[in-house]
């Protein structure tokens, strides 16, 4: 994965805790300047504390179909 590139991860349809596990598996491979774009069925509120404590920033967007789009990157 190159910097300034997006990595897509679609975890819709997976039962908990699989979405969290997939996200946490991909994040350590994220180079500086790149971001992870996650598609998920529900807002992963427990994930936010882990992201904050691990030095990541995120932006969550609720979509009209009830799912969420989350853009995760290293904190500046």
PDB file of N, CA and C in Angstrom:
ATOM      1  N   UNK A   1       0.847  -1.176   0.000  1.00  0.00           N
ATOM      2  CA  UNK A   1       0.000   0.000   0.000  1.00  0.00           C
ATOM      3  C   UNK A   1       0.893   1.240   0.000  1.00  0.00           C
ATOM      4  N   UNK A   2       0.655   2.154  -0.895  1.00  0.00           N
ATOM      5  CA  UNK A   2       1.444   3.383  -0.964  1.00  0.00           C
ATOM      6  C   UNK A   2       0.794   4.484  -0.131  1.00  0.00           C
ATOM      7  N   UNK A   3       1.602   5.448   0.302  1.00  0.00           N
ATOM      8  CA  UNK A   3       1.094   6.602   1.030  1.00  0.00           C
ATOM      9  C   UNK A   3       0.119   7.358   0.145  1.00  0.00           C
ATOM     10  N   UNK A   4      -0.793   8.082   0.755  1.00  0.00           N
ATOM     11  CA  UNK A   4      -1.830   8.859   0.083  1.00  0.00           C
ATOM     12  C   UNK A   4      -2.785   7.977  -0.716  1.00  0.00           C
ATOM     13  N   UNK A   5      -2.801   6.697  -0.425  1.00  0.00           N
ATOM     14  CA  UNK A   5      -3.688   5.778  -1.108  1.00  0.00           C
ATOM     15  C   UNK A   5      -4.733   5.274  -0.122  1.00  0.00           C
ATOM     16  N   UNK A   6      -5.888   4.945  -0.661  1.00  0.00           N
ATOM     17  CA  UNK A   6      -6.952   4.388   0.165  1.00  0.00           C
ATOM     18  C   UNK A   6      -6.922   2.875   0.075  1.00  0.00           C
ATOM     19  N   UNK A   7      -7.174   2.251   1.181  1.00  0.00           N
ATOM     20  CA  UNK A   7      -7.358   0.807   1.224  1.00  0.00           C
ATOM     21  C   UNK A   7      -8.819   0.600   1.607  1.00  0.00           C
ATOM     22  N   UNK A   8      -9.558  -0.158   0.815  1.00  0.00           N
ATOM     23  CA  UNK A   8     -10.974  -0.395   1.057  1.00  0.00           C
ATOM     24  C   UNK A   8     -11.153  -1.673   1.860  1.00  0.00           C
ATOM     25  N   UNK A   9     -12.041  -1.625   2.840  1.00  0.00           N
ATOM     26  CA  UNK A   9     -12.369  -2.795   3.638  1.00  0.00           C
ATOM     27  C   UNK A   9     -13.878  -2.816   3.832  1.00  0.00           C
ATOM     28  N   UNK A  10     -14.535  -3.834   3.303  1.00  0.00           N
ATOM     29  CA  UNK A  10     -15.981  -3.975   3.420  1.00  0.00           C
ATOM     30  C   UNK A  10     -16.272  -5.100   4.398  1.00  0.00           C
ATOM     31  N   UNK A  11     -16.776  -4.738   5.575  1.00  0.00           N
ATOM     32  CA  UNK A  11     -17.083  -5.730   6.598  1.00  0.00           C
ATOM     33  C   UNK A  11     -18.586  -5.843   6.832  1.00  0.00           C
ATOM     34  N   UNK A  12     -19.371  -5.326   5.896  1.00  0.00           N
ATOM     35  CA  UNK A  12     -20.827  -5.448   6.008  1.00  0.00           C
ATOM     36  C   UNK A  12     -21.215  -6.919   5.951  1.00  0.00           C
ATOM     37  N   UNK A  13     -22.176  -7.278   6.769  1.00  0.00           N
ATOM     38  CA  UNK A  13     -22.669  -8.642   6.784  1.00  0.00           C
ATOM     39  C   UNK A  13     -21.919  -9.578   7.716  1.00  0.00           C
ATOM     40  N   UNK A  14     -20.803  -9.127   8.269  1.00  0.00           N
ATOM     41  CA  UNK A  14     -20.039  -9.969   9.195  1.00  0.00           C
ATOM     42  C   UNK A  14     -20.578  -9.799  10.618  1.00  0.00           C
ATOM     43  N   UNK A  15     -20.677 -10.888  11.381  1.00  0.00           N
ATOM     44  CA  UNK A  15     -21.149 -10.779  12.766  1.00  0.00           C
ATOM     45  C   UNK A  15     -20.036 -10.260  13.673  1.00  0.00           C
ATOM     46  N   UNK A  16     -20.409  -9.561  14.753  1.00  0.00           N
ATOM     47  CA  UNK A  16     -19.400  -9.141  15.720  1.00  0.00           C
ATOM     48  C   UNK A  16     -18.715 -10.369  16.316  1.00  0.00           C
ATOM     49  N   UNK A  17     -17.461 -10.318  16.622  1.00  0.00           N
ATOM     50  CA  UNK A  17     -16.541  -9.186  16.555  1.00  0.00           C
ATOM     51  C   UNK A  17     -15.725  -9.149  15.261  1.00  0.00           C
ATOM     52  N   UNK A  18     -16.137  -9.881  14.225  1.00  0.00           N
ATOM     53  CA  UNK A  18     -15.337  -9.966  13.006  1.00  0.00           C
ATOM     54  C   UNK A  18     -15.009  -8.614  12.362  1.00  0.00           C
ATOM     55  N   UNK A  19     -15.959  -7.671  12.258  1.00  0.00           N
ATOM     56  CA  UNK A  19     -15.578  -6.377  11.666  1.00  0.00           C
ATOM     57  C   UNK A  19     -14.432  -5.709  12.423  1.00  0.00           C
ATOM     58  N   UNK A  20     -14.513  -5.688  13.747  1.00  0.00           N
ATOM     59  CA  UNK A  20     -13.464  -5.102  14.575  1.00  0.00           C
ATOM     60  C   UNK A  20     -12.137  -5.824  14.331  1.00  0.00           C
ATOM     61  N   UNK A  21     -12.173  -7.144  14.309  1.00  0.00           N
ATOM     62  CA  UNK A  21     -10.952  -7.923  14.112  1.00  0.00           C
ATOM     63  C   UNK A  21     -10.321  -7.643  12.748  1.00  0.00           C
ATOM     64  N   UNK A  22     -11.125  -7.556  11.713  1.00  0.00           N
ATOM     65  CA  UNK A  22     -10.597  -7.259  10.377  1.00  0.00           C
ATOM     66  C   UNK A  22      -9.958  -5.869  10.331  1.00  0.00           C
ATOM     67  N   UNK A  23     -10.638  -4.903  10.915  1.00  0.00           N
ATOM     68  CA  UNK A  23     -10.112  -3.535  10.938  1.00  0.00           C
ATOM     69  C   UNK A  23      -8.776  -3.497  11.675  1.00  0.00           C
ATOM     70  N   UNK A  24      -8.720  -4.123  12.844  1.00  0.00           N
ATOM     71  CA  UNK A  24      -7.501  -4.100  13.646  1.00  0.00           C
ATOM     72  C   UNK A  24      -6.371  -4.885  12.985  1.00  0.00           C
ATOM     73  N   UNK A  25      -6.687  -5.825  12.141  1.00  0.00           N
ATOM     74  CA  UNK A  25      -5.665  -6.576  11.409  1.00  0.00           C
ATOM     75  C   UNK A  25      -5.040  -5.721  10.304  1.00  0.00           C
ATOM     76  N   UNK A  26      -5.845  -4.875   9.661  1.00  0.00           N
ATOM     77  CA  UNK A  26      -5.367  -4.069   8.541  1.00  0.00           C
ATOM     78  C   UNK A  26      -4.636  -2.806   9.008  1.00  0.00           C
ATOM     79  N   UNK A  27      -5.071  -2.207  10.091  1.00  0.00           N
ATOM     80  CA  UNK A  27      -4.501  -0.917  10.513  1.00  0.00           C
ATOM     81  C   UNK A  27      -2.980  -0.903  10.674  1.00  0.00           C
ATOM     82  N   UNK A  28      -2.347  -1.922  11.248  1.00  0.00           N
ATOM     83  CA  UNK A  28      -0.882  -1.870  11.387  1.00  0.00           C
ATOM     84  C   UNK A  28      -0.141  -1.844  10.051  1.00  0.00           C
ATOM     85  N   UNK A  29      -0.800  -2.217   8.971  1.00  0.00           N
ATOM     86  CA  UNK A  29      -0.157  -2.216   7.657  1.00  0.00           C
ATOM     87  C   UNK A  29      -0.337  -0.884   6.938  1.00  0.00           C
ATOM     88  N   UNK A  30      -1.058   0.028   7.549  1.00  0.00           N
ATOM     89  CA  UNK A  30      -1.378   1.317   6.932  1.00  0.00           C
ATOM     90  C   UNK A  30      -0.180   2.258   6.987  1.00  0.00           C
ATOM     91  N   UNK A  31       0.409   2.598   5.824  1.00  0.00           N
ATOM     92  CA  UNK A  31       1.558   3.506   5.857  1.00  0.00           C
ATOM     93  C   UNK A  31       1.133   4.946   6.185  1.00  0.00           C
ATOM     94  N   UNK A  32       2.070   5.735   6.639  1.00  0.00           N
ATOM     95  CA  UNK A  32       1.806   7.146   6.904  1.00  0.00           C
ATOM     96  C   UNK A  32       1.290   7.796   5.624  1.00  0.00           C
ATOM     97  N   UNK A  33       0.244   8.591   5.752  1.00  0.00           N
ATOM     98  CA  UNK A  33      -0.329   9.285   4.609  1.00  0.00           C
ATOM     99  C   UNK A  33      -1.439   8.515   3.915  1.00  0.00           C
ATOM    100  N   UNK A  34      -1.559   7.228   4.200  1.00  0.00           N
ATOM    101  CA  UNK A  34      -2.627   6.423   3.603  1.00  0.00           C
ATOM    102  C   UNK A  34      -3.818   6.396   4.567  1.00  0.00           C
ATOM    103  N   UNK A  35      -4.952   5.950   4.066  1.00  0.00           N
ATOM    104  CA  UNK A  35      -6.097   5.801   4.946  1.00  0.00           C
ATOM    105  C   UNK A  35      -6.858   4.530   4.610  1.00  0.00           C
ATOM    106  N   UNK A  36      -7.618   4.078   5.591  1.00  0.00           N
ATOM    107  CA  UNK A  36      -8.452   2.900   5.446  1.00  0.00           C
ATOM    108  C   UNK A  36      -9.893   3.364   5.342  1.00  0.00           C
ATOM    109  N   UNK A  37     -10.569   2.963   4.286  1.00  0.00           N
ATOM    110  CA  UNK A  37     -11.971   3.305   4.088  1.00  0.00           C
ATOM    111  C   UNK A  37     -12.780   2.051   4.385  1.00  0.00           C
ATOM    112  N   UNK A  38     -13.544   2.090   5.498  1.00  0.00           N
ATOM    113  CA  UNK A  38     -14.302   0.928   5.970  1.00  0.00           C
ATOM    114  C   UNK A  38     -15.779   1.121   5.676  1.00  0.00           C
ATOM    115  N   UNK A  39     -16.409   0.076   5.163  1.00  0.00           N
ATOM    116  CA  UNK A  39     -17.858   0.029   4.980  1.00  0.00           C
ATOM    117  C   UNK A  39     -18.379  -0.968   6.012  1.00  0.00           C
ATOM    118  N   UNK A  40     -19.331  -0.530   6.853  1.00  0.00           N
ATOM    119  CA  UNK A  40     -19.788  -1.366   7.966  1.00  0.00           C
ATOM    120  C   UNK A  40     -21.289  -1.166   8.185  1.00  0.00           C
ATOM    121  N   UNK A  41     -21.956  -2.208   8.670  1.00  0.00           N
ATOM    122  CA  UNK A  41     -23.410  -2.179   8.863  1.00  0.00           C
ATOM    123  C   UNK A  41     -23.874  -1.311  10.018  1.00  0.00           C
ATOM    124  N   UNK A  42     -23.054  -1.194  11.038  1.00  0.00           N
ATOM    125  CA  UNK A  42     -23.466  -0.468  12.248  1.00  0.00           C
ATOM    126  C   UNK A  42     -22.320   0.428  12.708  1.00  0.00           C
ATOM    127  N   UNK A  43     -22.657   1.438  13.448  1.00  0.00           N
ATOM    128  CA  UNK A  43     -21.605   2.333  13.936  1.00  0.00           C
ATOM    129  C   UNK A  43     -20.798   1.608  15.017  1.00  0.00           C
ATOM    130  N   UNK A  44     -19.496   1.475  14.829  1.00  0.00           N
ATOM    131  CA  UNK A  44     -18.667   0.696  15.755  1.00  0.00           C
ATOM    132  C   UNK A  44     -18.143   1.541  16.915  1.00  0.00           C
ATOM    133  N   UNK A  45     -19.028   1.975  17.784  1.00  0.00           N
ATOM    134  CA  UNK A  45     -18.629   2.866  18.882  1.00  0.00           C
ATOM    135  C   UNK A  45     -17.458   2.337  19.708  1.00  0.00           C
ATOM    136  N   UNK A  46     -17.391   1.039  20.044  1.00  0.00           N
ATOM    137  CA  UNK A  46     -16.220   0.563  20.813  1.00  0.00           C
ATOM    138  C   UNK A  46     -14.898   0.738  20.058  1.00  0.00           C
ATOM    139  N   UNK A  47     -14.958   0.745  18.745  1.00  0.00           N
ATOM    140  CA  UNK A  47     -13.744   0.912  17.944  1.00  0.00           C
ATOM    141  C   UNK A  47     -13.127   2.295  18.143  1.00  0.00           C
ATOM    142  N   UNK A  48     -13.939   3.305  18.346  1.00  0.00           N
ATOM    143  CA  UNK A  48     -13.443   4.683  18.413  1.00  0.00           C
ATOM    144  C   UNK A  48     -12.425   4.888  19.542  1.00  0.00           C
ATOM    145  N   UNK A  49     -12.679   4.310  20.708  1.00  0.00           N
ATOM    146  CA  UNK A  49     -11.726   4.452  21.819  1.00  0.00           C
ATOM    147  C   UNK A  49     -10.404   3.770  21.473  1.00  0.00           C
ATOM    148  N   UNK A  50     -10.482   2.596  20.867  1.00  0.00           N
ATOM    149  CA  UNK A  50      -9.262   1.882  20.481  1.00  0.00           C
ATOM    150  C   UNK A  50      -8.486   2.691  19.449  1.00  0.00           C
ATOM    151  N   UNK A  51      -9.188   3.270  18.480  1.00  0.00           N
ATOM    152  CA  UNK A  51      -8.520   4.098  17.475  1.00  0.00           C
ATOM    153  C   UNK A  51      -7.834   5.292  18.125  1.00  0.00           C
ATOM    154  N   UNK A  52      -8.548   5.996  18.986  1.00  0.00           N
ATOM    155  CA  UNK A  52      -7.987   7.170  19.664  1.00  0.00           C
ATOM    156  C   UNK A  52      -6.766   6.782  20.489  1.00  0.00           C
ATOM    157  N   UNK A  53      -6.868   5.696  21.252  1.00  0.00           N
ATOM    158  CA  UNK A  53      -5.768   5.254  22.110  1.00  0.00           C
ATOM    159  C   UNK A  53      -4.572   4.737  21.307  1.00  0.00           C
ATOM    160  N   UNK A  54      -4.817   4.352  20.050  1.00  0.00           N
ATOM    161  CA  UNK A  54      -3.760   3.805  19.203  1.00  0.00           C
ATOM    162  C   UNK A  54      -3.171   4.819  18.227  1.00  0.00           C
ATOM    163  N   UNK A  55      -3.635   6.076  18.318  1.00  0.00           N
ATOM    164  CA  UNK A  55      -3.049   7.125  17.489  1.00  0.00           C
ATOM    165  C   UNK A  55      -3.656   7.268  16.100  1.00  0.00           C
ATOM    166  N   UNK A  56      -4.916   6.902  15.962  1.00  0.00           N
ATOM    167  CA  UNK A  56      -5.594   7.053  14.674  1.00  0.00           C
ATOM    168  C   UNK A  56      -6.666   8.118  14.764  1.00  0.00           C
ATOM    169  N   UNK A  57      -6.942   8.742  13.634  1.00  0.00           N
ATOM    170  CA  UNK A  57      -8.049   9.690  13.499  1.00  0.00           C
ATOM    171  C   UNK A  57      -9.075   9.036  12.580  1.00  0.00           C
ATOM    172  N   UNK A  58     -10.316   9.431  12.699  1.00  0.00           N
ATOM    173  CA  UNK A  58     -11.353   8.852  11.867  1.00  0.00           C
ATOM    174  C   UNK A  58     -12.453   9.867  11.596  1.00  0.00           C
ATOM    175  N   UNK A  59     -13.177   9.595  10.550  1.00  0.00           N
ATOM    176  CA  UNK A  59     -14.355  10.388  10.194  1.00  0.00           C
ATOM    177  C   UNK A  59     -15.432   9.391   9.791  1.00  0.00           C
ATOM    178  N   UNK A  60     -16.567   9.460  10.462  1.00  0.00           N
ATOM    179  CA  UNK A  60     -17.666   8.527  10.211  1.00  0.00           C
ATOM    180  C   UNK A  60     -18.791   9.257   9.501  1.00  0.00           C
ATOM    181  N   UNK A  61     -19.335   8.614   8.487  1.00  0.00           N
ATOM    182  CA  UNK A  61     -20.474   9.157   7.750  1.00  0.00           C
ATOM    183  C   UNK A  61     -21.584   8.114   7.754  1.00  0.00           C
ATOM    184  N   UNK A  62     -22.767   8.512   8.245  1.00  0.00           N
ATOM    185  CA  UNK A  62     -23.939   7.640   8.183  1.00  0.00           C
ATOM    186  C   UNK A  62     -24.499   7.712   6.763  1.00  0.00           C
ATOM    187  N   UNK A  63     -24.750   6.562   6.171  1.00  0.00           N
ATOM    188  CA  UNK A  63     -25.260   6.503   4.809  1.00  0.00           C
ATOM    189  C   UNK A  63     -26.773   6.288   4.816  1.00  0.00           C
ATOM    190  N   UNK A  64     -27.411   6.620   3.725  1.00  0.00           N
ATOM    191  CA  UNK A  64     -28.879   6.555   3.656  1.00  0.00           C
ATOM    192  C   UNK A  64     -29.418   5.136   3.780  1.00  0.00           C
ATOM    193  N   UNK A  65     -28.609   4.135   3.489  1.00  0.00           N
ATOM    194  CA  UNK A  65     -29.076   2.749   3.607  1.00  0.00           C
ATOM    195  C   UNK A  65     -28.932   2.198   5.027  1.00  0.00           C
ATOM    196  N   UNK A  66     -28.492   3.046   5.969  1.00  0.00           N
ATOM    197  CA  UNK A  66     -28.341   2.637   7.364  1.00  0.00           C
ATOM    198  C   UNK A  66     -26.948   2.128   7.707  1.00  0.00           C
ATOM    199  N   UNK A  67     -26.089   1.994   6.722  1.00  0.00           N
ATOM    200  CA  UNK A  67     -24.713   1.563   6.987  1.00  0.00           C
ATOM    201  C   UNK A  67     -23.841   2.795   7.238  1.00  0.00           C
ATOM    202  N   UNK A  68     -22.576   2.544   7.496  1.00  0.00           N
ATOM    203  CA  UNK A  68     -21.645   3.629   7.810  1.00  0.00           C
ATOM    204  C   UNK A  68     -20.391   3.508   6.965  1.00  0.00           C
ATOM    205  N   UNK A  69     -19.807   4.646   6.677  1.00  0.00           N
ATOM    206  CA  UNK A  69     -18.537   4.742   5.976  1.00  0.00           C
ATOM    207  C   UNK A  69     -17.571   5.423   6.939  1.00  0.00           C
ATOM    208  N   UNK A  70     -16.438   4.786   7.184  1.00  0.00           N
ATOM    209  CA  UNK A  70     -15.458   5.330   8.129  1.00  0.00           C
ATOM    210  C   UNK A  70     -14.120   5.444   7.443  1.00  0.00           C
ATOM    211  N   UNK A  71     -13.544   6.622   7.507  1.00  0.00           N
ATOM    212  CA  UNK A  71     -12.212   6.880   6.958  1.00  0.00           C
ATOM    213  C   UNK A  71     -11.251   6.971   8.127  1.00  0.00           C
ATOM    214  N   UNK A  72     -10.274   6.070   8.174  1.00  0.00           N
ATOM    215  CA  UNK A  72      -9.337   5.986   9.299  1.00  0.00           C
ATOM    216  C   UNK A  72      -7.928   6.273   8.785  1.00  0.00           C
ATOM    217  N   UNK A  73      -7.209   7.128   9.510  1.00  0.00           N
ATOM    218  CA  UNK A  73      -5.827   7.451   9.144  1.00  0.00           C
ATOM    219  C   UNK A  73      -5.020   7.650  10.429  1.00  0.00           C
ATOM    220  N   UNK A  74      -3.699   7.696  10.266  1.00  0.00           N
ATOM    221  CA  UNK A  74      -2.843   8.016  11.399  1.00  0.00           C
ATOM    222  C   UNK A  74      -3.116   9.455  11.828  1.00  0.00           C
ATOM    223  N   UNK A  75      -3.123   9.719  13.121  1.00  0.00           N
ATOM    224  CA  UNK A  75      -3.298  11.090  13.599  1.00  0.00           C
ATOM    225  C   UNK A  75      -2.118  11.934  13.171  1.00  0.00           C
ATOM    226  N   UNK A  76      -2.401  13.193  12.903  1.00  0.00           N
ATOM    227  CA  UNK A  76      -1.337  14.115  12.474  1.00  0.00           C
ATOM    228  C   UNK A  76      -0.482  14.533  13.641  1.00  0.00           C
TER     229      UNK A  76
END
